[in-house]
Amino acid sequence: MNNGIIYGATGVLDTICQITTSINEVDDNSSFVKAFPNPFNEKITFEFNDSSTPKLIRLYSIDDELVIEKLVSVLTTIDSAELTSGFYFFQVIKKMYKLLFHKN
């Protein structure tokens, strides 16, 4: 075997595809947000340990389509009435910056 390819007497017998996936853990923010219940049915609740600044939560479908965007505080519940069954990912933006674009 060389580079994922298995060679036999008559040539290539088979190929092996090895995929490694992992999620890097955040060192000091591991308890920054709790999302529960998971899996969720009627609603999902997000609880943050930091109440000093508002946060923006974005919920994405498995197809990377933005389905919900909401400004949240310490405890926020999102109703799932408009969602279809499936896998979702969420993103939390703690700091927001304003940009000014001016075209001549």
PDB file of N, CA and C in Angstrom:
ATOM      1  N   MET A   1       0.848  -1.179   0.000  1.00  0.00           N
ATOM      2  CA  MET A   1       0.000   0.000   0.000  1.00  0.00           C
ATOM      3  C   MET A   1       0.888   1.235   0.000  1.00  0.00           C
ATOM      4  N   ASN A   2       0.541   2.200  -0.854  1.00  0.00           N
ATOM      5  CA  ASN A   2       1.307   3.430  -0.948  1.00  0.00           C
ATOM      6  C   ASN A   2       0.348   4.576  -1.225  1.00  0.00           C
ATOM      7  N   ASN A   3       0.325   5.582  -0.337  1.00  0.00           N
ATOM      8  CA  ASN A   3      -0.536   6.747  -0.509  1.00  0.00           C
ATOM      9  C   ASN A   3      -2.018   6.384  -0.635  1.00  0.00           C
ATOM     10  N   GLY A   4      -2.462   5.381   0.117  1.00  0.00           N
ATOM     11  CA  GLY A   4      -3.872   5.017   0.094  1.00  0.00           C
ATOM     12  C   GLY A   4      -4.255   4.112  -1.049  1.00  0.00           C
ATOM     13  N   ILE A   5      -3.309   3.651  -1.847  1.00  0.00           N
ATOM     14  CA  ILE A   5      -3.596   2.771  -2.979  1.00  0.00           C
ATOM     15  C   ILE A   5      -3.032   1.392  -2.682  1.00  0.00           C
ATOM     16  N   ILE A   6      -3.847   0.348  -2.873  1.00  0.00           N
ATOM     17  CA  ILE A   6      -3.401  -1.024  -2.672  1.00  0.00           C
ATOM     18  C   ILE A   6      -3.029  -1.601  -4.031  1.00  0.00           C
ATOM     19  N   TYR A   7      -1.769  -2.022  -4.174  1.00  0.00           N
ATOM     20  CA  TYR A   7      -1.292  -2.573  -5.427  1.00  0.00           C
ATOM     21  C   TYR A   7      -1.284  -4.092  -5.359  1.00  0.00           C
ATOM     22  N   GLY A   8      -1.643  -4.741  -6.443  1.00  0.00           N
ATOM     23  CA  GLY A   8      -1.558  -6.193  -6.571  1.00  0.00           C
ATOM     24  C   GLY A   8      -0.631  -6.543  -7.711  1.00  0.00           C
ATOM     25  N   ALA A   9      -0.539  -7.833  -8.024  1.00  0.00           N
ATOM     26  CA  ALA A   9       0.355  -8.293  -9.090  1.00  0.00           C
ATOM     27  C   ALA A   9      -0.060  -7.755 -10.450  1.00  0.00           C
ATOM     28  N   THR A  10      -1.352  -7.481 -10.623  1.00  0.00           N
ATOM     29  CA  THR A  10      -1.826  -7.010 -11.922  1.00  0.00           C
ATOM     30  C   THR A  10      -2.122  -5.512 -11.928  1.00  0.00           C
ATOM     31  N   GLY A  11      -1.738  -4.822 -10.914  1.00  0.00           N
ATOM     32  CA  GLY A  11      -1.961  -3.381 -10.893  1.00  0.00           C
ATOM     33  C   GLY A  11      -2.698  -2.943  -9.643  1.00  0.00           C
ATOM     34  N   VAL A  12      -3.477  -1.886  -9.764  1.00  0.00           N
ATOM     35  CA  VAL A  12      -4.200  -1.317  -8.629  1.00  0.00           C
ATOM     36  C   VAL A  12      -5.389  -2.199  -8.292  1.00  0.00           C
ATOM     37  N   LEU A  13      -5.454  -2.660  -7.044  1.00  0.00           N
ATOM     38  CA  LEU A  13      -6.580  -3.478  -6.592  1.00  0.00           C
ATOM     39  C   LEU A  13      -7.696  -2.636  -6.000  1.00  0.00           C
ATOM     40  N   ASP A  14      -7.342  -1.649  -5.223  1.00  0.00           N
ATOM     41  CA  ASP A  14      -8.356  -0.878  -4.522  1.00  0.00           C
ATOM     42  C   ASP A  14      -7.720   0.412  -4.022  1.00  0.00           C
ATOM     43  N   THR A  15      -8.556   1.362  -3.685  1.00  0.00           N
ATOM     44  CA  THR A  15      -8.062   2.591  -3.066  1.00  0.00           C
ATOM     45  C   THR A  15      -8.724   2.740  -1.705  1.00  0.00           C
ATOM     46  N   ILE A  16      -8.034   3.373  -0.818  1.00  0.00           N
ATOM     47  CA  ILE A  16      -8.546   3.609   0.529  1.00  0.00           C
ATOM     48  C   ILE A  16      -8.675   5.108   0.717  1.00  0.00           C
ATOM     49  N   CYS A  17      -9.830   5.534   1.143  1.00  0.00           N
ATOM     50  CA  CYS A  17     -10.062   6.952   1.421  1.00  0.00           C
ATOM     51  C   CYS A  17     -10.149   7.116   2.923  1.00  0.00           C
ATOM     52  N   GLN A  18      -9.231   7.840   3.480  1.00  0.00           N
ATOM     53  CA  GLN A  18      -9.240   8.087   4.914  1.00  0.00           C
ATOM     54  C   GLN A  18      -9.529   9.556   5.160  1.00  0.00           C
ATOM     55  N   ILE A  19     -10.577   9.808   5.931  1.00  0.00           N
ATOM     56  CA  ILE A  19     -10.960  11.178   6.257  1.00  0.00           C
ATOM     57  C   ILE A  19     -10.963  11.315   7.768  1.00  0.00           C
ATOM     58  N   THR A  20     -10.245  12.283   8.257  1.00  0.00           N
ATOM     59  CA  THR A  20     -10.230  12.559   9.688  1.00  0.00           C
ATOM     60  C   THR A  20     -10.939  13.882   9.920  1.00  0.00           C
ATOM     61  N   THR A  21     -11.897  13.854  10.811  1.00  0.00           N
ATOM     62  CA  THR A  21     -12.589  15.093  11.167  1.00  0.00           C
ATOM     63  C   THR A  21     -12.435  15.312  12.653  1.00  0.00           C
ATOM     64  N   SER A  22     -12.399  16.558  13.030  1.00  0.00           N
ATOM     65  CA  SER A  22     -12.317  16.879  14.449  1.00  0.00           C
ATOM     66  C   SER A  22     -12.856  18.277  14.678  1.00  0.00           C
ATOM     67  N   ILE A  23     -13.144  18.545  15.914  1.00  0.00           N
ATOM     68  CA  ILE A  23     -13.590  19.875  16.316  1.00  0.00           C
ATOM     69  C   ILE A  23     -12.609  20.369  17.362  1.00  0.00           C
ATOM     70  N   ASN A  24     -12.040  21.522  17.104  1.00  0.00           N
ATOM     71  CA  ASN A  24     -11.122  22.099  18.080  1.00  0.00           C
ATOM     72  C   ASN A  24     -11.920  22.663  19.249  1.00  0.00           C
ATOM     73  N   GLU A  25     -11.479  22.369  20.436  1.00  0.00           N
ATOM     74  CA  GLU A  25     -12.150  22.879  21.625  1.00  0.00           C
ATOM     75  C   GLU A  25     -11.644  24.271  21.948  1.00  0.00           C
ATOM     76  N   VAL A  26     -12.539  25.105  22.401  1.00  0.00           N
ATOM     77  CA  VAL A  26     -12.175  26.450  22.814  1.00  0.00           C
ATOM     78  C   VAL A  26     -11.721  26.381  24.260  1.00  0.00           C
ATOM     79  N   ASP A  27     -10.531  26.880  24.533  1.00  0.00           N
ATOM     80  CA  ASP A  27      -9.946  26.734  25.865  1.00  0.00           C
ATOM     81  C   ASP A  27     -10.734  27.436  26.961  1.00  0.00           C
ATOM     82  N   ASP A  28     -10.868  28.757  26.873  1.00  0.00           N
ATOM     83  CA  ASP A  28     -11.451  29.494  27.990  1.00  0.00           C
ATOM     84  C   ASP A  28     -12.908  29.869  27.782  1.00  0.00           C
ATOM     85  N   ASN A  29     -13.499  29.547  26.653  1.00  0.00           N
ATOM     86  CA  ASN A  29     -14.890  29.885  26.399  1.00  0.00           C
ATOM     87  C   ASN A  29     -15.773  28.650  26.294  1.00  0.00           C
ATOM     88  N   SER A  30     -15.353  27.544  26.883  1.00  0.00           N
ATOM     89  CA  SER A  30     -16.097  26.304  26.723  1.00  0.00           C
ATOM     90  C   SER A  30     -17.508  26.396  27.304  1.00  0.00           C
ATOM     91  N   SER A  31     -17.726  27.254  28.276  1.00  0.00           N
ATOM     92  CA  SER A  31     -19.064  27.396  28.842  1.00  0.00           C
ATOM     93  C   SER A  31     -19.687  28.739  28.467  1.00  0.00           C
ATOM     94  N   PHE A  32     -19.253  29.322  27.387  1.00  0.00           N
ATOM     95  CA  PHE A  32     -19.762  30.614  26.937  1.00  0.00           C
ATOM     96  C   PHE A  32     -21.247  30.530  26.589  1.00  0.00           C
ATOM     97  N   VAL A  33     -21.664  29.471  25.910  1.00  0.00           N
ATOM     98  CA  VAL A  33     -23.064  29.327  25.511  1.00  0.00           C
ATOM     99  C   VAL A  33     -23.499  27.880  25.704  1.00  0.00           C
ATOM    100  N   LYS A  34     -24.740  27.733  26.158  1.00  0.00           N
ATOM    101  CA  LYS A  34     -25.376  26.426  26.242  1.00  0.00           C
ATOM    102  C   LYS A  34     -26.576  26.462  25.311  1.00  0.00           C
ATOM    103  N   ALA A  35     -26.724  25.448  24.480  1.00  0.00           N
ATOM    104  CA  ALA A  35     -27.882  25.319  23.595  1.00  0.00           C
ATOM    105  C   ALA A  35     -28.623  24.051  24.007  1.00  0.00           C
ATOM    106  N   PHE A  36     -29.889  24.196  24.384  1.00  0.00           N
ATOM    107  CA  PHE A  36     -30.644  23.035  24.858  1.00  0.00           C
ATOM    108  C   PHE A  36     -32.117  23.182  24.539  1.00  0.00           C
ATOM    109  N   PRO A  37     -32.857  22.093  24.416  1.00  0.00           N
ATOM    110  CA  PRO A  37     -32.370  20.716  24.345  1.00  0.00           C
ATOM    111  C   PRO A  37     -31.755  20.437  22.978  1.00  0.00           C
ATOM    112  N   ASN A  38     -30.932  19.448  22.920  1.00  0.00           N
ATOM    113  CA  ASN A  38     -30.309  19.044  21.663  1.00  0.00           C
ATOM    114  C   ASN A  38     -30.379  17.527  21.583  1.00  0.00           C
ATOM    115  N   PRO A  39     -31.188  16.968  20.711  1.00  0.00           N
ATOM    116  CA  PRO A  39     -31.949  17.617  19.637  1.00  0.00           C
ATOM    117  C   PRO A  39     -33.168  18.372  20.182  1.00  0.00           C
ATOM    118  N   PHE A  40     -33.625  19.352  19.402  1.00  0.00           N
ATOM    119  CA  PHE A  40     -34.771  20.150  19.823  1.00  0.00           C
ATOM    120  C   PHE A  40     -35.958  19.860  18.922  1.00  0.00           C
ATOM    121  N   ASN A  41     -37.144  20.162  19.429  1.00  0.00           N
ATOM    122  CA  ASN A  41     -38.360  19.881  18.680  1.00  0.00           C
ATOM    123  C   ASN A  41     -39.143  21.163  18.422  1.00  0.00           C
ATOM    124  N   GLU A  42     -39.706  21.760  19.463  1.00  0.00           N
ATOM    125  CA  GLU A  42     -40.534  22.952  19.294  1.00  0.00           C
ATOM    126  C   GLU A  42     -39.757  24.248  19.438  1.00  0.00           C
ATOM    127  N   LYS A  43     -38.721  24.222  20.258  1.00  0.00           N
ATOM    128  CA  LYS A  43     -37.919  25.430  20.470  1.00  0.00           C
ATOM    129  C   LYS A  43     -36.531  25.035  20.942  1.00  0.00           C
ATOM    130  N   ILE A  44     -35.594  25.960  20.764  1.00  0.00           N
ATOM    131  CA  ILE A  44     -34.234  25.789  21.266  1.00  0.00           C
ATOM    132  C   ILE A  44     -33.901  27.011  22.107  1.00  0.00           C
ATOM    133  N   THR A  45     -33.251  26.781  23.224  1.00  0.00           N
ATOM    134  CA  THR A  45     -32.888  27.858  24.133  1.00  0.00           C
ATOM    135  C   THR A  45     -31.380  28.015  24.149  1.00  0.00           C
ATOM    136  N   PHE A  46     -30.939  29.252  24.074  1.00  0.00           N
ATOM    137  CA  PHE A  46     -29.527  29.591  24.169  1.00  0.00           C
ATOM    138  C   PHE A  46     -29.321  30.374  25.448  1.00  0.00           C
ATOM    139  N   GLU A  47     -28.378  29.914  26.252  1.00  0.00           N
ATOM    140  CA  GLU A  47     -28.072  30.586  27.513  1.00  0.00           C
ATOM    141  C   GLU A  47     -26.596  30.970  27.505  1.00  0.00           C
ATOM    142  N   PHE A  48     -26.325  32.251  27.752  1.00  0.00           N
ATOM    143  CA  PHE A  48     -24.960  32.774  27.722  1.00  0.00           C
ATOM    144  C   PHE A  48     -24.506  33.110  29.136  1.00  0.00           C
ATOM    145  N   ASN A  49     -23.229  32.911  29.414  1.00  0.00           N
ATOM    146  CA  ASN A  49     -22.705  33.246  30.737  1.00  0.00           C
ATOM    147  C   ASN A  49     -22.241  34.690  30.816  1.00  0.00           C
ATOM    148  N   ASP A  50     -22.277  35.399  29.701  1.00  0.00           N
ATOM    149  CA  ASP A  50     -21.822  36.792  29.655  1.00  0.00           C
ATOM    150  C   ASP A  50     -22.994  37.686  29.270  1.00  0.00           C
ATOM    151  N   SER A  51     -23.406  38.542  30.169  1.00  0.00           N
ATOM    152  CA  SER A  51     -24.537  39.422  29.883  1.00  0.00           C
ATOM    153  C   SER A  51     -24.105  40.848  29.570  1.00  0.00           C
ATOM    154  N   SER A  52     -22.814  41.080  29.457  1.00  0.00           N
ATOM    155  CA  SER A  52     -22.318  42.447  29.299  1.00  0.00           C
ATOM    156  C   SER A  52     -22.619  43.051  27.935  1.00  0.00           C
ATOM    157  N   THR A  53     -22.645  42.242  26.899  1.00  0.00           N
ATOM    158  CA  THR A  53     -22.898  42.770  25.560  1.00  0.00           C
ATOM    159  C   THR A  53     -23.911  41.907  24.838  1.00  0.00           C
ATOM    160  N   PRO A  54     -24.733  42.510  23.991  1.00  0.00           N
ATOM    161  CA  PRO A  54     -25.639  41.696  23.177  1.00  0.00           C
ATOM    162  C   PRO A  54     -24.836  40.888  22.148  1.00  0.00           C
ATOM    163  N   LYS A  55     -25.415  39.805  21.741  1.00  0.00           N
ATOM    164  CA  LYS A  55     -24.769  38.936  20.770  1.00  0.00           C
ATOM    165  C   LYS A  55     -25.708  38.699  19.596  1.00  0.00           C
ATOM    166  N   LEU A  56     -25.143  38.362  18.485  1.00  0.00           N
ATOM    167  CA  LEU A  56     -25.930  38.022  17.306  1.00  0.00           C
ATOM    168  C   LEU A  56     -25.830  36.523  17.120  1.00  0.00           C
ATOM    169  N   ILE A  57     -26.979  35.872  17.042  1.00  0.00           N
ATOM    170  CA  ILE A  57     -26.992  34.430  16.811  1.00  0.00           C
ATOM    171  C   ILE A  57     -27.464  34.203  15.389  1.00  0.00           C
ATOM    172  N   ARG A  58     -26.753  33.345  14.685  1.00  0.00           N
ATOM    173  CA  ARG A  58     -27.129  32.962  13.323  1.00  0.00           C
ATOM    174  C   ARG A  58     -27.309  31.454  13.294  1.00  0.00           C
ATOM    175  N   LEU A  59     -28.439  31.026  12.781  1.00  0.00           N
ATOM    176  CA  LEU A  59     -28.740  29.609  12.654  1.00  0.00           C
ATOM    177  C   LEU A  59     -28.700  29.254  11.173  1.00  0.00           C
ATOM    178  N   TYR A  60     -27.877  28.250  10.834  1.00  0.00           N
ATOM    179  CA  TYR A  60     -27.687  27.830   9.447  1.00  0.00           C
ATOM    180  C   TYR A  60     -28.202  26.420   9.243  1.00  0.00           C
ATOM    181  N   SER A  61     -28.764  26.168   8.062  1.00  0.00           N
ATOM    182  CA  SER A  61     -29.156  24.812   7.694  1.00  0.00           C
ATOM    183  C   SER A  61     -27.911  24.029   7.301  1.00  0.00           C
ATOM    184  N   ILE A  62     -28.060  22.753   7.096  1.00  0.00           N
ATOM    185  CA  ILE A  62     -26.945  21.894   6.697  1.00  0.00           C
ATOM    186  C   ILE A  62     -26.404  22.319   5.328  1.00  0.00           C
ATOM    187  N   ASP A  63     -27.239  23.009   4.542  1.00  0.00           N
ATOM    188  CA  ASP A  63     -26.846  23.502   3.219  1.00  0.00           C
ATOM    189  C   ASP A  63     -26.158  24.858   3.291  1.00  0.00           C
ATOM    190  N   ASP A  64     -25.821  25.305   4.495  1.00  0.00           N
ATOM    191  CA  ASP A  64     -25.157  26.585   4.738  1.00  0.00           C
ATOM    192  C   ASP A  64     -26.039  27.773   4.376  1.00  0.00           C
ATOM    193  N   GLU A  65     -27.348  27.600   4.501  1.00  0.00           N
ATOM    194  CA  GLU A  65     -28.288  28.688   4.268  1.00  0.00           C
ATOM    195  C   GLU A  65     -28.641  29.324   5.602  1.00  0.00           C
ATOM    196  N   LEU A  66     -28.530  30.640   5.674  1.00  0.00           N
ATOM    197  CA  LEU A  66     -28.893  31.363   6.887  1.00  0.00           C
ATOM    198  C   LEU A  66     -30.413  31.328   7.020  1.00  0.00           C
ATOM    199  N   VAL A  67     -30.912  30.732   8.116  1.00  0.00           N
ATOM    200  CA  VAL A  67     -32.358  30.605   8.296  1.00  0.00           C
ATOM    201  C   VAL A  67     -32.896  31.523   9.390  1.00  0.00           C
ATOM    202  N   ILE A  68     -32.084  31.837  10.383  1.00  0.00           N
ATOM    203  CA  ILE A  68     -32.506  32.751  11.452  1.00  0.00           C
ATOM    204  C   ILE A  68     -31.309  33.602  11.864  1.00  0.00           C
ATOM    205  N   GLU A  69     -31.575  34.889  12.051  1.00  0.00           N
ATOM    206  CA  GLU A  69     -30.570  35.805  12.578  1.00  0.00           C
ATOM    207  C   GLU A  69     -31.265  36.654  13.631  1.00  0.00           C
ATOM    208  N   LYS A  70     -30.726  36.651  14.843  1.00  0.00           N
ATOM    209  CA  LYS A  70     -31.423  37.314  15.940  1.00  0.00           C
ATOM    210  C   LYS A  70     -30.427  37.899  16.923  1.00  0.00           C
ATOM    211  N   LEU A  71     -30.700  39.131  17.367  1.00  0.00           N
ATOM    212  CA  LEU A  71     -29.916  39.763  18.421  1.00  0.00           C
ATOM    213  C   LEU A  71     -30.425  39.217  19.753  1.00  0.00           C
ATOM    214  N   VAL A  72     -29.510  38.710  20.570  1.00  0.00           N
ATOM    215  CA  VAL A  72     -29.923  37.995  21.777  1.00  0.00           C
ATOM    216  C   VAL A  72     -29.242  38.558  23.013  1.00  0.00           C
ATOM    217  N   SER A  73     -29.773  38.166  24.174  1.00  0.00           N
ATOM    218  CA  SER A  73     -29.180  38.554  25.459  1.00  0.00           C
ATOM    219  C   SER A  73     -28.774  37.291  26.204  1.00  0.00           C
ATOM    220  N   VAL A  74     -28.908  37.279  27.507  1.00  0.00           N
ATOM    221  CA  VAL A  74     -28.441  36.162  28.326  1.00  0.00           C
ATOM    222  C   VAL A  74     -29.203  34.869  28.046  1.00  0.00           C
ATOM    223  N   LEU A  75     -30.524  34.934  27.986  1.00  0.00           N
ATOM    224  CA  LEU A  75     -31.350  33.753  27.773  1.00  0.00           C
ATOM    225  C   LEU A  75     -32.310  34.034  26.631  1.00  0.00           C
ATOM    226  N   THR A  76     -32.215  33.255  25.569  1.00  0.00           N
ATOM    227  CA  THR A  76     -33.040  33.480  24.389  1.00  0.00           C
ATOM    228  C   THR A  76     -33.585  32.154  23.886  1.00  0.00           C
ATOM    229  N   THR A  77     -34.864  32.168  23.531  1.00  0.00           N
ATOM    230  CA  THR A  77     -35.502  30.980  22.969  1.00  0.00           C
ATOM    231  C   THR A  77     -35.916  31.278  21.534  1.00  0.00           C
ATOM    232  N   ILE A  78     -35.637  30.332  20.652  1.00  0.00           N
ATOM    233  CA  ILE A  78     -36.006  30.471  19.245  1.00  0.00           C
ATOM    234  C   ILE A  78     -37.039  29.397  18.927  1.00  0.00           C
ATOM    235  N   ASP A  79     -38.170  29.835  18.385  1.00  0.00           N
ATOM    236  CA  ASP A  79     -39.250  28.939  18.003  1.00  0.00           C
ATOM    237  C   ASP A  79     -38.884  28.242  16.692  1.00  0.00           C
ATOM    238  N   SER A  80     -39.165  26.955  16.614  1.00  0.00           N
ATOM    239  CA  SER A  80     -38.788  26.190  15.424  1.00  0.00           C
ATOM    240  C   SER A  80     -39.940  25.987  14.447  1.00  0.00           C
ATOM    241  N   ALA A  81     -41.017  26.752  14.579  1.00  0.00           N
ATOM    242  CA  ALA A  81     -42.190  26.570  13.728  1.00  0.00           C
ATOM    243  C   ALA A  81     -41.870  26.727  12.240  1.00  0.00           C
ATOM    244  N   GLU A  82     -40.947  27.597  11.913  1.00  0.00           N
ATOM    245  CA  GLU A  82     -40.609  27.850  10.507  1.00  0.00           C
ATOM    246  C   GLU A  82     -39.516  26.928   9.973  1.00  0.00           C
ATOM    247  N   LEU A  83     -38.981  26.053  10.813  1.00  0.00           N
ATOM    248  CA  LEU A  83     -37.874  25.193  10.410  1.00  0.00           C
ATOM    249  C   LEU A  83     -38.364  23.825   9.960  1.00  0.00           C
ATOM    250  N   THR A  84     -37.628  23.222   9.050  1.00  0.00           N
ATOM    251  CA  THR A  84     -37.889  21.846   8.658  1.00  0.00           C
ATOM    252  C   THR A  84     -36.971  20.933   9.472  1.00  0.00           C
ATOM    253  N   SER A  85     -37.306  19.670   9.558  1.00  0.00           N
ATOM    254  CA  SER A  85     -36.462  18.720  10.282  1.00  0.00           C
ATOM    255  C   SER A  85     -35.105  18.625   9.614  1.00  0.00           C
ATOM    256  N   GLY A  86     -34.067  18.507  10.405  1.00  0.00           N
ATOM    257  CA  GLY A  86     -32.729  18.380   9.838  1.00  0.00           C
ATOM    258  C   GLY A  86     -31.673  18.825  10.822  1.00  0.00           C
ATOM    259  N   PHE A  87     -30.462  18.961  10.296  1.00  0.00           N
ATOM    260  CA  PHE A  87     -29.322  19.405  11.089  1.00  0.00           C
ATOM    261  C   PHE A  87     -29.145  20.907  10.919  1.00  0.00           C
ATOM    262  N   TYR A  88     -28.817  21.578  12.010  1.00  0.00           N
ATOM    263  CA  TYR A  88     -28.583  23.008  11.997  1.00  0.00           C
ATOM    264  C   TYR A  88     -27.300  23.325  12.750  1.00  0.00           C
ATOM    265  N   PHE A  89     -26.653  24.396  12.337  1.00  0.00           N
ATOM    266  CA  PHE A  89     -25.455  24.899  12.995  1.00  0.00           C
ATOM    267  C   PHE A  89     -25.742  26.315  13.438  1.00  0.00           C
ATOM    268  N   PHE A  90     -25.130  26.726  14.547  1.00  0.00           N
ATOM    269  CA  PHE A  90     -25.314  28.113  14.950  1.00  0.00           C
ATOM    270  C   PHE A  90     -23.964  28.783  15.136  1.00  0.00           C
ATOM    271  N   GLN A  91     -24.000  30.087  14.946  1.00  0.00           N
ATOM    272  CA  GLN A  91     -22.817  30.929  15.089  1.00  0.00           C
ATOM    273  C   GLN A  91     -23.183  32.064  16.028  1.00  0.00           C
ATOM    274  N   VAL A  92     -22.287  32.380  16.934  1.00  0.00           N
ATOM    275  CA  VAL A  92     -22.507  33.488  17.863  1.00  0.00           C
ATOM    276  C   VAL A  92     -21.447  34.535  17.588  1.00  0.00           C
ATOM    277  N   ILE A  93     -21.897  35.754  17.362  1.00  0.00           N
ATOM    278  CA  ILE A  93     -20.981  36.869  17.134  1.00  0.00           C
ATOM    279  C   ILE A  93     -21.060  37.767  18.357  1.00  0.00           C
ATOM    280  N   LYS A  94     -19.945  37.852  19.082  1.00  0.00           N
ATOM    281  CA  LYS A  94     -19.919  38.621  20.330  1.00  0.00           C
ATOM    282  C   LYS A  94     -19.687  40.101  20.089  1.00  0.00           C
ATOM    283  N   LYS A  95     -18.869  40.425  19.124  1.00  0.00           N
ATOM    284  CA  LYS A  95     -18.573  41.831  18.854  1.00  0.00           C
ATOM    285  C   LYS A  95     -19.000  42.148  17.431  1.00  0.00           C
ATOM    286  N   MET A  96     -19.615  43.303  17.288  1.00  0.00           N
ATOM    287  CA  MET A  96     -20.035  43.747  15.969  1.00  0.00           C
ATOM    288  C   MET A  96     -19.404  45.100  15.692  1.00  0.00           C
ATOM    289  N   TYR A  97     -18.975  45.275  14.493  1.00  0.00           N
ATOM    290  CA  TYR A  97     -18.335  46.516  14.081  1.00  0.00           C
ATOM    291  C   TYR A  97     -19.118  47.124  12.929  1.00  0.00           C
ATOM    292  N   LYS A  98     -19.127  48.436  12.879  1.00  0.00           N
ATOM    293  CA  LYS A  98     -19.789  49.126  11.789  1.00  0.00           C
ATOM    294  C   LYS A  98     -18.756  49.425  10.699  1.00  0.00           C
ATOM    295  N   LEU A  99     -19.176  49.231   9.478  1.00  0.00           N
ATOM    296  CA  LEU A  99     -18.337  49.565   8.327  1.00  0.00           C
ATOM    297  C   LEU A  99     -19.094  50.561   7.467  1.00  0.00           C
ATOM    298  N   LEU A 100     -18.382  51.511   6.940  1.00  0.00           N
ATOM    299  CA  LEU A 100     -18.979  52.491   6.048  1.00  0.00           C
ATOM    300  C   LEU A 100     -18.394  52.277   4.673  1.00  0.00           C
ATOM    301  N   PHE A 101     -19.248  52.119   3.694  1.00  0.00           N
ATOM    302  CA  PHE A 101     -18.794  51.935   2.317  1.00  0.00           C
ATOM    303  C   PHE A 101     -19.302  53.118   1.508  1.00  0.00           C
ATOM    304  N   HIS A 102     -18.403  53.754   0.821  1.00  0.00           N
ATOM    305  CA  HIS A 102     -18.779  54.893  -0.010  1.00  0.00           C
ATOM    306  C   HIS A 102     -18.166  54.682  -1.384  1.00  0.00           C
ATOM    307  N   LYS A 103     -19.022  54.662  -2.379  1.00  0.00           N
ATOM    308  CA  LYS A 103     -18.574  54.456  -3.750  1.00  0.00           C
ATOM    309  C   LYS A 103     -18.554  55.804  -4.455  1.00  0.00           C
ATOM    310  N   ASN A 104     -17.439  56.097  -5.086  1.00  0.00           N
ATOM    311  CA  ASN A 104     -17.316  57.372  -5.816  1.00  0.00           C
ATOM    312  C   ASN A 104     -18.067  57.343  -7.105  1.00  0.00           C
TER     313      ASN A 104
END
